[in-house]
Structure formats: C-alpha cells, structure tokens
C-alpha cells in the first residue's frame, strides 16, 4: 500500500485521467473530490462491496435457473 500525506487543496494524480483532491478536513472526516472519466465507476467501498455481493447472488440465481431449465429439458 502506498501511503501519501496531503494537505487541503493538494491532489494525488493517478495515471493521466484521475485526480483526487483533498477539499476539506473536519475532525476525523476528509472531504475528497475525484475527477475521472465518466467511464470509471467510483463508489464508496461499502457500496462497491454491496454491489459486488448482489451481482454474485444474481449470478448464482441465474446458474440455478439454468440448471433447472437444463434438467427440465432432459424429461
């Protein structure tokens, strides 16, 4: 893990297209601004993990449905 120290209004550049800027610091919270292409999805980690879990559940249900359909076609 790379660890960087930034102050308010300082940025971190990721590649040519992504900039993360510290907009404010209040107590134990840091407000970040992120500039990135619209094609790059940006989520808070807890939201990202929830989306990933929901996608996995949907994929498992789809596999179950395919198995049922396959088995019903055998009869």
Protein backbone atom coordinates (compact mmCIF):
# COMPACT_ATOMS: atom_id res chain seq x y z
CA UNK A 1 0.00 0.00 0.00
CA UNK A 2 1.28 3.41 -0.96
CA UNK A 3 0.78 5.98 1.81
CA UNK A 4 0.82 9.67 0.91
CA UNK A 5 0.30 12.76 3.04
CA UNK A 6 -1.73 15.60 1.54
CA UNK A 7 -3.00 18.88 2.90
CA UNK A 8 -6.18 20.75 2.00
CA UNK A 9 -6.25 21.67 -1.72
CA UNK A 10 -3.42 19.25 -2.55
CA UNK A 11 -4.00 16.41 -5.00
CA UNK A 12 -2.95 12.92 -5.96
CA UNK A 13 -2.75 12.07 -9.66
CA UNK A 14 -3.45 8.50 -10.83
CA UNK A 15 -2.36 8.00 -14.42
CA UNK A 16 -3.32 10.72 -16.89
CA UNK A 17 -7.05 10.73 -16.17
CA UNK A 18 -7.72 10.55 -12.43
CA UNK A 19 -7.11 13.27 -9.85
CA UNK A 20 -8.06 13.03 -6.19
CA UNK A 21 -8.05 16.34 -4.32
CA UNK A 22 -8.42 17.00 -0.59
CA UNK A 23 -11.22 19.56 -0.40
CA UNK A 24 -11.57 19.80 3.35
CA UNK A 25 -10.76 18.26 6.69
CA UNK A 26 -13.23 18.44 9.58
CA UNK A 27 -12.44 16.44 12.69
CA UNK A 28 -11.92 12.83 11.66
CA UNK A 29 -13.52 13.29 8.21
CA UNK A 30 -11.77 14.14 4.97
CA UNK A 31 -13.74 15.51 2.02
CA UNK A 32 -12.30 14.34 -1.31
CA UNK A 33 -13.01 15.49 -4.84
CA UNK A 34 -12.41 13.00 -7.63
CA UNK A 35 -12.02 13.90 -11.28
CA UNK A 36 -12.13 10.89 -13.57
CA UNK A 37 -13.58 9.90 -16.94
CA UNK A 38 -17.29 9.08 -16.85
CA UNK A 39 -16.42 5.53 -17.86
CA UNK A 40 -14.69 5.00 -14.50
CA UNK A 41 -17.10 3.87 -11.79
CA UNK A 42 -16.44 5.45 -8.39
CA UNK A 43 -18.12 4.14 -5.24
CA UNK A 44 -17.55 4.23 -1.51
CA UNK A 45 -16.02 0.86 -0.64
CA UNK A 46 -19.03 -0.37 1.36
CA UNK A 47 -21.29 0.38 -1.61
CA UNK A 48 -18.87 -1.32 -4.01
CA UNK A 49 -18.81 -4.46 -1.84
CA UNK A 50 -22.62 -4.46 -1.65
CA UNK A 51 -22.91 -4.18 -5.44
CA UNK A 52 -20.38 -6.98 -5.85
CA UNK A 53 -22.31 -9.22 -3.43
CA UNK A 54 -25.62 -8.51 -5.19
CA UNK A 55 -24.05 -9.32 -8.56
CA UNK A 56 -22.69 -12.60 -7.19
CA UNK A 57 -26.11 -13.51 -5.78
CA UNK A 58 -27.78 -12.68 -9.11
CA UNK A 59 -25.22 -14.81 -10.95
CA UNK A 60 -25.85 -17.74 -8.60
CA UNK A 61 -29.61 -17.46 -9.09
CA UNK A 62 -29.08 -17.38 -12.86
CA UNK A 63 -26.98 -20.54 -12.65
CA UNK A 64 -29.67 -22.24 -10.58
CA UNK A 65 -32.33 -21.27 -13.14
CA UNK A 66 -30.16 -22.57 -15.98
CA UNK A 67 -29.70 -25.89 -14.15
CA UNK A 68 -33.45 -26.21 -13.62
CA UNK A 69 -34.11 -25.45 -17.28
CA UNK A 70 -31.45 -27.91 -18.38
CA UNK A 71 -32.88 -30.64 -16.14
CA UNK A 72 -36.46 -29.94 -17.32
CA UNK A 73 -35.36 -30.31 -20.95
CA UNK A 74 -34.00 -33.79 -20.22
CA UNK A 75 -37.51 -35.04 -19.44
